[in-house]
Every structure is written in structure tokens, then in C-alpha cells.
Amino acid sequence: ADSVKGRFTISRDNAKNTLYLQMNSLKPEDTAVYYCAAG
């Protein structure tokens, strides 16, 4: 999303079946419930 470009990084480790979201330079407007989805 444009609102998180340059601040957040999504990655995955297929060997560990794990998804990650590194969030840096967090802002108050980032406050939310964060959901993981698979499809």
C-alpha cells in the first residue's frame, strides 16, 4: 500500500511456513488489527 511503502517489508520463509511483516518508522495511523491471509 502507498501508505506503508518504504517503511514496511513483507517476507516469507517457505521452509518455516511463516510470513513476516517488518514495520519500521511506525506512525499513529498504523494503529489497527493486523490480519494474515492466505490464498
PDB file of all heavy atoms in Angstrom:
ATOM      1  N   ALA A   1       0.841  -1.180   0.000  1.00  0.00           N
ATOM      2  CA  ALA A   1       0.000   0.000   0.000  1.00  0.00           C
ATOM      3  C   ALA A   1       0.885   1.242   0.000  1.00  0.00           C
ATOM      4  O   ALA A   1       1.970   1.246   0.586  1.00  0.00           O
ATOM      5  CB  ALA A   1      -0.910   0.006   1.222  1.00  0.00           C
ATOM      6  N   ASP A   2       0.420   2.291  -0.662  1.00  0.00           N
ATOM      7  CA  ASP A   2       1.210   3.516  -0.719  1.00  0.00           C
ATOM      8  C   ASP A   2       1.539   4.055   0.668  1.00  0.00           C
ATOM      9  O   ASP A   2       2.609   4.635   0.884  1.00  0.00           O
ATOM     10  CB  ASP A   2       0.463   4.585  -1.516  1.00  0.00           C
ATOM     11  CG  ASP A   2       0.427   4.288  -3.005  1.00  0.00           C
ATOM     12  OD1 ASP A   2       1.251   3.489  -3.484  1.00  0.00           O
ATOM     13  OD2 ASP A   2      -0.437   4.869  -3.692  1.00  0.00           O
ATOM     14  N   SER A   3       0.654   3.859   1.603  1.00  0.00           N
ATOM     15  CA  SER A   3       0.828   4.408   2.935  1.00  0.00           C
ATOM     16  C   SER A   3       1.971   3.767   3.719  1.00  0.00           C
ATOM     17  O   SER A   3       2.425   4.336   4.712  1.00  0.00           O
ATOM     18  CB  SER A   3      -0.472   4.270   3.736  1.00  0.00           C
ATOM     19  OG  SER A   3      -0.860   2.912   3.845  1.00  0.00           O
ATOM     20  N   VAL A   4       2.432   2.598   3.282  1.00  0.00           N
ATOM     21  CA  VAL A   4       3.485   1.904   4.024  1.00  0.00           C
ATOM     22  C   VAL A   4       4.758   1.708   3.222  1.00  0.00           C
ATOM     23  O   VAL A   4       5.749   1.194   3.761  1.00  0.00           O
ATOM     24  CB  VAL A   4       3.003   0.535   4.547  1.00  0.00           C
ATOM     25  CG1 VAL A   4       1.722   0.687   5.353  1.00  0.00           C
ATOM     26  CG2 VAL A   4       2.812  -0.454   3.408  1.00  0.00           C
ATOM     27  N   LYS A   5       4.768   2.117   1.976  1.00  0.00           N
ATOM     28  CA  LYS A   5       5.958   1.947   1.142  1.00  0.00           C
ATOM     29  C   LYS A   5       7.161   2.643   1.761  1.00  0.00           C
ATOM     30  O   LYS A   5       7.076   3.779   2.215  1.00  0.00           O
ATOM     31  CB  LYS A   5       5.713   2.505  -0.259  1.00  0.00           C
ATOM     32  CG  LYS A   5       4.838   1.633  -1.134  1.00  0.00           C
ATOM     33  CD  LYS A   5       4.668   2.241  -2.521  1.00  0.00           C
ATOM     34  CE  LYS A   5       3.818   1.359  -3.406  1.00  0.00           C
ATOM     35  NZ  LYS A   5       3.591   1.961  -4.742  1.00  0.00           N
ATOM     36  N   GLY A   6       8.270   1.935   1.774  1.00  0.00           N
ATOM     37  CA  GLY A   6       9.487   2.472   2.342  1.00  0.00           C
ATOM     38  C   GLY A   6       9.612   2.276   3.826  1.00  0.00           C
ATOM     39  O   GLY A   6      10.688   2.513   4.390  1.00  0.00           O
ATOM     40  N   ARG A   7       8.542   1.852   4.485  1.00  0.00           N
ATOM     41  CA  ARG A   7       8.561   1.641   5.927  1.00  0.00           C
ATOM     42  C   ARG A   7       8.360   0.185   6.317  1.00  0.00           C
ATOM     43  O   ARG A   7       8.946  -0.282   7.287  1.00  0.00           O
ATOM     44  CB  ARG A   7       7.486   2.492   6.604  1.00  0.00           C
ATOM     45  CG  ARG A   7       7.649   3.986   6.380  1.00  0.00           C
ATOM     46  CD  ARG A   7       6.681   4.785   7.244  1.00  0.00           C
ATOM     47  NE  ARG A   7       5.283   4.492   6.912  1.00  0.00           N
ATOM     48  CZ  ARG A   7       4.390   3.996   7.768  1.00  0.00           C
ATOM     49  NH1 ARG A   7       4.747   3.728   9.017  1.00  0.00           N
ATOM     50  NH2 ARG A   7       3.135   3.778   7.381  1.00  0.00           N
ATOM     51  N   PHE A   8       7.526  -0.519   5.568  1.00  0.00           N
ATOM     52  CA  PHE A   8       7.203  -1.908   5.879  1.00  0.00           C
ATOM     53  C   PHE A   8       7.848  -2.836   4.860  1.00  0.00           C
ATOM     54  O   PHE A   8       8.002  -2.482   3.681  1.00  0.00           O
ATOM     55  CB  PHE A   8       5.691  -2.142   5.848  1.00  0.00           C
ATOM     56  CG  PHE A   8       4.916  -1.486   6.954  1.00  0.00           C
ATOM     57  CD1 PHE A   8       5.495  -0.559   7.807  1.00  0.00           C
ATOM     58  CD2 PHE A   8       3.584  -1.802   7.133  1.00  0.00           C
ATOM     59  CE1 PHE A   8       4.770   0.048   8.816  1.00  0.00           C
ATOM     60  CE2 PHE A   8       2.840  -1.207   8.138  1.00  0.00           C
ATOM     61  CZ  PHE A   8       3.428  -0.284   8.978  1.00  0.00           C
ATOM     62  N   THR A   9       8.180  -4.034   5.297  1.00  0.00           N
ATOM     63  CA  THR A   9       8.724  -5.050   4.415  1.00  0.00           C
ATOM     64  C   THR A   9       8.038  -6.381   4.688  1.00  0.00           C
ATOM     65  O   THR A   9       8.052  -6.866   5.821  1.00  0.00           O
ATOM     66  CB  THR A   9      10.239  -5.216   4.605  1.00  0.00           C
ATOM     67  OG1 THR A   9      10.901  -3.969   4.369  1.00  0.00           O
ATOM     68  CG2 THR A   9      10.780  -6.249   3.626  1.00  0.00           C
ATOM     69  N   ILE A  10       7.447  -6.953   3.657  1.00  0.00           N
ATOM     70  CA  ILE A  10       6.838  -8.270   3.773  1.00  0.00           C
ATOM     71  C   ILE A  10       7.824  -9.311   3.265  1.00  0.00           C
ATOM     72  O   ILE A  10       8.543  -9.076   2.292  1.00  0.00           O
ATOM     73  CB  ILE A  10       5.503  -8.343   3.001  1.00  0.00           C
ATOM     74  CG1 ILE A  10       4.769  -9.655   3.296  1.00  0.00           C
ATOM     75  CG2 ILE A  10       5.723  -8.164   1.504  1.00  0.00           C
ATOM     76  CD1 ILE A  10       3.351  -9.694   2.731  1.00  0.00           C
ATOM     77  N   SER A  11       7.860 -10.443   3.926  1.00  0.00           N
ATOM     78  CA  SER A  11       8.732 -11.526   3.506  1.00  0.00           C
ATOM     79  C   SER A  11       8.129 -12.851   3.935  1.00  0.00           C
ATOM     80  O   SER A  11       7.187 -12.891   4.724  1.00  0.00           O
ATOM     81  CB  SER A  11      10.142 -11.357   4.084  1.00  0.00           C
ATOM     82  OG  SER A  11      10.121 -11.393   5.500  1.00  0.00           O
ATOM     83  N   ARG A  12       8.676 -13.919   3.403  1.00  0.00           N
ATOM     84  CA  ARG A  12       8.191 -15.240   3.775  1.00  0.00           C
ATOM     85  C   ARG A  12       9.345 -16.221   3.823  1.00  0.00           C
ATOM     86  O   ARG A  12      10.329 -16.100   3.091  1.00  0.00           O
ATOM     87  CB  ARG A  12       7.121 -15.727   2.787  1.00  0.00           C
ATOM     88  CG  ARG A  12       7.614 -15.933   1.356  1.00  0.00           C
ATOM     89  CD  ARG A  12       6.446 -16.058   0.383  1.00  0.00           C
ATOM     90  NE  ARG A  12       5.648 -17.244   0.633  1.00  0.00           N
ATOM     91  CZ  ARG A  12       4.431 -17.449   0.127  1.00  0.00           C
ATOM     92  NH1 ARG A  12       3.864 -16.510  -0.625  1.00  0.00           N
ATOM     93  NH2 ARG A  12       3.778 -18.571   0.397  1.00  0.00           N
ATOM     94  N   ASP A  13       9.210 -17.186   4.697  1.00  0.00           N
ATOM     95  CA  ASP A  13      10.155 -18.281   4.807  1.00  0.00           C
ATOM     96  C   ASP A  13       9.370 -19.546   4.535  1.00  0.00           C
ATOM     97  O   ASP A  13       8.678 -20.058   5.414  1.00  0.00           O
ATOM     98  CB  ASP A  13      10.804 -18.310   6.184  1.00  0.00           C
ATOM     99  CG  ASP A  13      11.922 -19.327   6.286  1.00  0.00           C
ATOM    100  OD1 ASP A  13      11.905 -20.319   5.538  1.00  0.00           O
ATOM    101  OD2 ASP A  13      12.826 -19.132   7.119  1.00  0.00           O
ATOM    102  N   ASN A  14       9.460 -20.028   3.315  1.00  0.00           N
ATOM    103  CA  ASN A  14       8.667 -21.190   2.936  1.00  0.00           C
ATOM    104  C   ASN A  14       9.066 -22.443   3.706  1.00  0.00           C
ATOM    105  O   ASN A  14       8.227 -23.305   3.971  1.00  0.00           O
ATOM    106  CB  ASN A  14       8.792 -21.436   1.432  1.00  0.00           C
ATOM    107  CG  ASN A  14       8.081 -20.387   0.606  1.00  0.00           C
ATOM    108  OD1 ASN A  14       7.194 -19.685   1.097  1.00  0.00           O
ATOM    109  ND2 ASN A  14       8.467 -20.265  -0.659  1.00  0.00           N
ATOM    110  N   ALA A  15      10.321 -22.549   4.064  1.00  0.00           N
ATOM    111  CA  ALA A  15      10.770 -23.705   4.823  1.00  0.00           C
ATOM    112  C   ALA A  15      10.147 -23.745   6.214  1.00  0.00           C
ATOM    113  O   ALA A  15       9.950 -24.825   6.775  1.00  0.00           O
ATOM    114  CB  ALA A  15      12.294 -23.715   4.929  1.00  0.00           C
ATOM    115  N   LYS A  16       9.852 -22.579   6.765  1.00  0.00           N
ATOM    116  CA  LYS A  16       9.257 -22.489   8.094  1.00  0.00           C
ATOM    117  C   LYS A  16       7.752 -22.249   8.062  1.00  0.00           C
ATOM    118  O   LYS A  16       7.128 -22.116   9.110  1.00  0.00           O
ATOM    119  CB  LYS A  16       9.923 -21.381   8.897  1.00  0.00           C
ATOM    120  CG  LYS A  16      11.395 -21.625   9.194  1.00  0.00           C
ATOM    121  CD  LYS A  16      11.967 -20.501  10.038  1.00  0.00           C
ATOM    122  CE  LYS A  16      13.416 -20.765  10.388  1.00  0.00           C
ATOM    123  NZ  LYS A  16      13.990 -19.666  11.208  1.00  0.00           N
ATOM    124  N   ASN A  17       7.180 -22.160   6.868  1.00  0.00           N
ATOM    125  CA  ASN A  17       5.748 -21.884   6.722  1.00  0.00           C
ATOM    126  C   ASN A  17       5.345 -20.620   7.482  1.00  0.00           C
ATOM    127  O   ASN A  17       4.314 -20.580   8.156  1.00  0.00           O
ATOM    128  CB  ASN A  17       4.917 -23.068   7.206  1.00  0.00           C
ATOM    129  CG  ASN A  17       5.005 -24.269   6.284  1.00  0.00           C
ATOM    130  OD1 ASN A  17       5.599 -24.212   5.214  1.00  0.00           O
ATOM    131  ND2 ASN A  17       4.396 -25.369   6.700  1.00  0.00           N
ATOM    132  N   THR A  18       6.151 -19.593   7.349  1.00  0.00           N
ATOM    133  CA  THR A  18       5.937 -18.383   8.127  1.00  0.00           C
ATOM    134  C   THR A  18       6.016 -17.142   7.249  1.00  0.00           C
ATOM    135  O   THR A  18       6.902 -17.027   6.397  1.00  0.00           O
ATOM    136  CB  THR A  18       6.959 -18.275   9.265  1.00  0.00           C
ATOM    137  OG1 THR A  18       6.861 -19.438  10.097  1.00  0.00           O
ATOM    138  CG2 THR A  18       6.676 -17.050  10.124  1.00  0.00           C
ATOM    139  N   LEU A  19       5.103 -16.239   7.485  1.00  0.00           N
ATOM    140  CA  LEU A  19       5.041 -14.942   6.830  1.00  0.00           C
ATOM    141  C   LEU A  19       5.431 -13.870   7.838  1.00  0.00           C
ATOM    142  O   LEU A  19       5.078 -13.972   9.015  1.00  0.00           O
ATOM    143  CB  LEU A  19       3.625 -14.689   6.320  1.00  0.00           C
ATOM    144  CG  LEU A  19       3.331 -13.341   5.675  1.00  0.00           C
ATOM    145  CD1 LEU A  19       3.969 -13.264   4.290  1.00  0.00           C
ATOM    146  CD2 LEU A  19       1.824 -13.108   5.594  1.00  0.00           C
ATOM    147  N   TYR A  20       6.117 -12.830   7.365  1.00  0.00           N
ATOM    148  CA  TYR A  20       6.572 -11.773   8.246  1.00  0.00           C
ATOM    149  C   TYR A  20       6.175 -10.409   7.706  1.00  0.00           C
ATOM    150  O   TYR A  20       6.009 -10.217   6.502  1.00  0.00           O
ATOM    151  CB  TYR A  20       8.097 -11.798   8.396  1.00  0.00           C
ATOM    152  CG  TYR A  20       8.652 -13.098   8.891  1.00  0.00           C
ATOM    153  CD1 TYR A  20       9.164 -14.036   8.005  1.00  0.00           C
ATOM    154  CD2 TYR A  20       8.666 -13.392  10.249  1.00  0.00           C
ATOM    155  CE1 TYR A  20       9.683 -15.238   8.455  1.00  0.00           C
ATOM    156  CE2 TYR A  20       9.183 -14.592  10.711  1.00  0.00           C
ATOM    157  CZ  TYR A  20       9.691 -15.505   9.810  1.00  0.00           C
ATOM    158  OH  TYR A  20      10.206 -16.694  10.270  1.00  0.00           O
ATOM    159  N   LEU A  21       6.058  -9.475   8.618  1.00  0.00           N
ATOM    160  CA  LEU A  21       5.894  -8.075   8.260  1.00  0.00           C
ATOM    161  C   LEU A  21       6.768  -7.249   9.192  1.00  0.00           C
ATOM    162  O   LEU A  21       6.462  -7.127  10.382  1.00  0.00           O
ATOM    163  CB  LEU A  21       4.437  -7.629   8.365  1.00  0.00           C
ATOM    164  CG  LEU A  21       4.168  -6.189   7.926  1.00  0.00           C
ATOM    165  CD1 LEU A  21       4.381  -6.038   6.417  1.00  0.00           C
ATOM    166  CD2 LEU A  21       2.750  -5.753   8.302  1.00  0.00           C
ATOM    167  N   GLN A  22       7.839  -6.717   8.650  1.00  0.00           N
ATOM    168  CA  GLN A  22       8.701  -5.825   9.403  1.00  0.00           C
ATOM    169  C   GLN A  22       8.169  -4.415   9.253  1.00  0.00           C
ATOM    170  O   GLN A  22       8.053  -3.911   8.137  1.00  0.00           O
ATOM    171  CB  GLN A  22      10.136  -5.901   8.892  1.00  0.00           C
ATOM    172  CG  GLN A  22      11.107  -4.973   9.610  1.00  0.00           C
ATOM    173  CD  GLN A  22      11.311  -5.350  11.058  1.00  0.00           C
ATOM    174  OE1 GLN A  22      11.511  -6.515  11.372  1.00  0.00           O
ATOM    175  NE2 GLN A  22      11.256  -4.358  11.948  1.00  0.00           N
ATOM    176  N   MET A  23       7.859  -3.780  10.358  1.00  0.00           N
ATOM    177  CA  MET A  23       7.265  -2.453  10.351  1.00  0.00           C
ATOM    178  C   MET A  23       8.219  -1.485  11.044  1.00  0.00           C
ATOM    179  O   MET A  23       8.485  -1.616  12.241  1.00  0.00           O
ATOM    180  CB  MET A  23       5.909  -2.458  11.046  1.00  0.00           C
ATOM    181  CG  MET A  23       4.923  -3.462  10.462  1.00  0.00           C
ATOM    182  SD  MET A  23       3.270  -3.333  11.200  1.00  0.00           S
ATOM    183  CE  MET A  23       3.647  -3.827  12.886  1.00  0.00           C
ATOM    184  N   ASN A  24       8.709  -0.532  10.288  1.00  0.00           N
ATOM    185  CA  ASN A  24       9.604   0.488  10.811  1.00  0.00           C
ATOM    186  C   ASN A  24       8.964   1.859  10.699  1.00  0.00           C
ATOM    187  O   ASN A  24       8.002   2.055   9.960  1.00  0.00           O
ATOM    188  CB  ASN A  24      10.931   0.477  10.049  1.00  0.00           C
ATOM    189  CG  ASN A  24      11.678  -0.825  10.167  1.00  0.00           C
ATOM    190  OD1 ASN A  24      11.647  -1.485  11.203  1.00  0.00           O
ATOM    191  ND2 ASN A  24      12.380  -1.200   9.095  1.00  0.00           N
ATOM    192  N   SER A  25       9.524   2.806  11.427  1.00  0.00           N
ATOM    193  CA  SER A  25       9.030   4.186  11.394  1.00  0.00           C
ATOM    194  C   SER A  25       7.528   4.249  11.583  1.00  0.00           C
ATOM    195  O   SER A  25       6.805   4.927  10.847  1.00  0.00           O
ATOM    196  CB  SER A  25       9.436   4.850  10.071  1.00  0.00           C
ATOM    197  OG  SER A  25      10.835   4.850   9.907  1.00  0.00           O
ATOM    198  N   LEU A  26       7.052   3.557  12.575  1.00  0.00           N
ATOM    199  CA  LEU A  26       5.614   3.448  12.791  1.00  0.00           C
ATOM    200  C   LEU A  26       4.989   4.788  13.155  1.00  0.00           C
ATOM    201  O   LEU A  26       5.591   5.605  13.853  1.00  0.00           O
ATOM    202  CB  LEU A  26       5.325   2.420  13.871  1.00  0.00           C
ATOM    203  CG  LEU A  26       5.453   0.969  13.399  1.00  0.00           C
ATOM    204  CD1 LEU A  26       5.604   0.028  14.581  1.00  0.00           C
ATOM    205  CD2 LEU A  26       4.234   0.583  12.559  1.00  0.00           C
ATOM    206  N   LYS A  27       3.781   4.968  12.669  1.00  0.00           N
ATOM    207  CA  LYS A  27       3.014   6.183  12.881  1.00  0.00           C
ATOM    208  C   LYS A  27       1.717   5.855  13.606  1.00  0.00           C
ATOM    209  O   LYS A  27       1.230   4.731  13.520  1.00  0.00           O
ATOM    210  CB  LYS A  27       2.685   6.841  11.542  1.00  0.00           C
ATOM    211  CG  LYS A  27       3.886   7.141  10.665  1.00  0.00           C
ATOM    212  CD  LYS A  27       3.439   7.669   9.308  1.00  0.00           C
ATOM    213  CE  LYS A  27       4.616   7.952   8.410  1.00  0.00           C
ATOM    214  NZ  LYS A  27       4.176   8.445   7.076  1.00  0.00           N
ATOM    215  N   PRO A  28       1.131   6.822  14.290  1.00  0.00           N
ATOM    216  CA  PRO A  28      -0.149   6.559  14.955  1.00  0.00           C
ATOM    217  C   PRO A  28      -1.214   6.023  14.001  1.00  0.00           C
ATOM    218  O   PRO A  28      -2.044   5.201  14.416  1.00  0.00           O
ATOM    219  CB  PRO A  28      -0.535   7.930  15.516  1.00  0.00           C
ATOM    220  CG  PRO A  28       0.778   8.595  15.770  1.00  0.00           C
ATOM    221  CD  PRO A  28       1.662   8.153  14.632  1.00  0.00           C
ATOM    222  N   GLU A  29      -1.201   6.457  12.755  1.00  0.00           N
ATOM    223  CA  GLU A  29      -2.187   5.986  11.797  1.00  0.00           C
ATOM    224  C   GLU A  29      -1.990   4.529  11.392  1.00  0.00           C
ATOM    225  O   GLU A  29      -2.831   3.973  10.683  1.00  0.00           O
ATOM    226  CB  GLU A  29      -2.216   6.879  10.549  1.00  0.00           C
ATOM    227  CG  GLU A  29      -0.854   7.131   9.939  1.00  0.00           C
ATOM    228  CD  GLU A  29      -0.258   8.458  10.371  1.00  0.00           C
ATOM    229  OE1 GLU A  29      -0.296   8.767  11.574  1.00  0.00           O
ATOM    230  OE2 GLU A  29       0.251   9.191   9.487  1.00  0.00           O
ATOM    231  N   ASP A  30      -0.904   3.916  11.814  1.00  0.00           N
ATOM    232  CA  ASP A  30      -0.708   2.491  11.599  1.00  0.00           C
ATOM    233  C   ASP A  30      -1.458   1.645  12.624  1.00  0.00           C
ATOM    234  O   ASP A  30      -1.497   0.420  12.499  1.00  0.00           O
ATOM    235  CB  ASP A  30       0.778   2.128  11.652  1.00  0.00           C
ATOM    236  CG  ASP A  30       1.574   2.756  10.526  1.00  0.00           C
ATOM    237  OD1 ASP A  30       1.088   2.762   9.379  1.00  0.00           O
ATOM    238  OD2 ASP A  30       2.702   3.234  10.794  1.00  0.00           O
ATOM    239  N   THR A  31      -2.017   2.273  13.627  1.00  0.00           N
ATOM    240  CA  THR A  31      -2.755   1.551  14.659  1.00  0.00           C
ATOM    241  C   THR A  31      -3.935   0.810  14.046  1.00  0.00           C
ATOM    242  O   THR A  31      -4.784   1.409  13.390  1.00  0.00           O
ATOM    243  CB  THR A  31      -3.243   2.514  15.743  1.00  0.00           C
ATOM    244  OG1 THR A  31      -2.119   3.098  16.410  1.00  0.00           O
ATOM    245  CG2 THR A  31      -4.107   1.788  16.771  1.00  0.00           C
ATOM    246  N   ALA A  32      -3.984  -0.489  14.262  1.00  0.00           N
ATOM    247  CA  ALA A  32      -5.031  -1.318  13.674  1.00  0.00           C
ATOM    248  C   ALA A  32      -4.841  -2.753  14.142  1.00  0.00           C
ATOM    249  O   ALA A  32      -3.818  -3.102  14.737  1.00  0.00           O
ATOM    250  CB  ALA A  32      -4.980  -1.263  12.148  1.00  0.00           C
ATOM    251  N   VAL A  33      -5.831  -3.573  13.845  1.00  0.00           N
ATOM    252  CA  VAL A  33      -5.663  -5.009  13.959  1.00  0.00           C
ATOM    253  C   VAL A  33      -5.104  -5.499  12.631  1.00  0.00           C
ATOM    254  O   VAL A  33      -5.664  -5.207  11.575  1.00  0.00           O
ATOM    255  CB  VAL A  33      -6.981  -5.723  14.276  1.00  0.00           C
ATOM    256  CG1 VAL A  33      -6.779  -7.234  14.316  1.00  0.00           C
ATOM    257  CG2 VAL A  33      -7.537  -5.236  15.610  1.00  0.00           C
ATOM    258  N   TYR A  34      -4.024  -6.234  12.696  1.00  0.00           N
ATOM    259  CA  TYR A  34      -3.361  -6.727  11.502  1.00  0.00           C
ATOM    260  C   TYR A  34      -3.686  -8.202  11.302  1.00  0.00           C
ATOM    261  O   TYR A  34      -3.549  -9.006  12.220  1.00  0.00           O
ATOM    262  CB  TYR A  34      -1.846  -6.533  11.603  1.00  0.00           C
ATOM    263  CG  TYR A  34      -1.430  -5.102  11.371  1.00  0.00           C
ATOM    264  CD1 TYR A  34      -1.725  -4.117  12.305  1.00  0.00           C
ATOM    265  CD2 TYR A  34      -0.759  -4.731  10.202  1.00  0.00           C
ATOM    266  CE1 TYR A  34      -1.374  -2.798  12.083  1.00  0.00           C
ATOM    267  CE2 TYR A  34      -0.392  -3.416   9.980  1.00  0.00           C
ATOM    268  CZ  TYR A  34      -0.702  -2.454  10.920  1.00  0.00           C
ATOM    269  OH  TYR A  34      -0.343  -1.144  10.697  1.00  0.00           O
ATOM    270  N   TYR A  35      -4.107  -8.532  10.092  1.00  0.00           N
ATOM    271  CA  TYR A  35      -4.523  -9.883   9.759  1.00  0.00           C
ATOM    272  C   TYR A  35      -3.631 -10.498   8.694  1.00  0.00           C
ATOM    273  O   TYR A  35      -3.255  -9.838   7.724  1.00  0.00           O
ATOM    274  CB  TYR A  35      -5.957  -9.886   9.227  1.00  0.00           C
ATOM    275  CG  TYR A  35      -6.994  -9.424  10.218  1.00  0.00           C
ATOM    276  CD1 TYR A  35      -7.390  -8.093  10.265  1.00  0.00           C
ATOM    277  CD2 TYR A  35      -7.583 -10.322  11.099  1.00  0.00           C
ATOM    278  CE1 TYR A  35      -8.344  -7.666  11.169  1.00  0.00           C
ATOM    279  CE2 TYR A  35      -8.534  -9.906  12.003  1.00  0.00           C
ATOM    280  CZ  TYR A  35      -8.920  -8.572  12.038  1.00  0.00           C
ATOM    281  OH  TYR A  35      -9.863  -8.153  12.932  1.00  0.00           O
ATOM    282  N   CYS A  36      -3.351 -11.746   8.865  1.00  0.00           N
ATOM    283  CA  CYS A  36      -2.651 -12.548   7.884  1.00  0.00           C
ATOM    284  C   CYS A  36      -3.667 -13.288   7.035  1.00  0.00           C
ATOM    285  O   CYS A  36      -4.681 -13.768   7.546  1.00  0.00           O
ATOM    286  CB  CYS A  36      -1.736 -13.541   8.610  1.00  0.00           C
ATOM    287  SG  CYS A  36      -0.942 -14.770   7.570  1.00  0.00           S
ATOM    288  N   ALA A  37      -3.405 -13.382   5.731  1.00  0.00           N
ATOM    289  CA  ALA A  37      -4.314 -14.069   4.826  1.00  0.00           C
ATOM    290  C   ALA A  37      -3.539 -14.939   3.854  1.00  0.00           C
ATOM    291  O   ALA A  37      -2.425 -14.600   3.453  1.00  0.00           O
ATOM    292  CB  ALA A  37      -5.165 -13.061   4.052  1.00  0.00           C
ATOM    293  N   ALA A  38      -4.147 -16.051   3.472  1.00  0.00           N
ATOM    294  CA  ALA A  38      -3.553 -16.974   2.513  1.00  0.00           C
ATOM    295  C   ALA A  38      -4.565 -17.316   1.434  1.00  0.00           C
ATOM    296  O   ALA A  38      -5.747 -17.509   1.721  1.00  0.00           O
ATOM    297  CB  ALA A  38      -3.095 -18.248   3.217  1.00  0.00           C
ATOM    298  N   GLY A  39      -4.097 -17.400   0.199  1.00  0.00           N
ATOM    299  CA  GLY A  39      -4.996 -17.715  -0.890  1.00  0.00           C
ATOM    300  C   GLY A  39      -4.292 -18.296  -2.097  1.00  0.00           C
ATOM    301  O   GLY A  39      -3.062 -18.387  -2.144  1.00  0.00           O
TER     302      GLY A  39
END
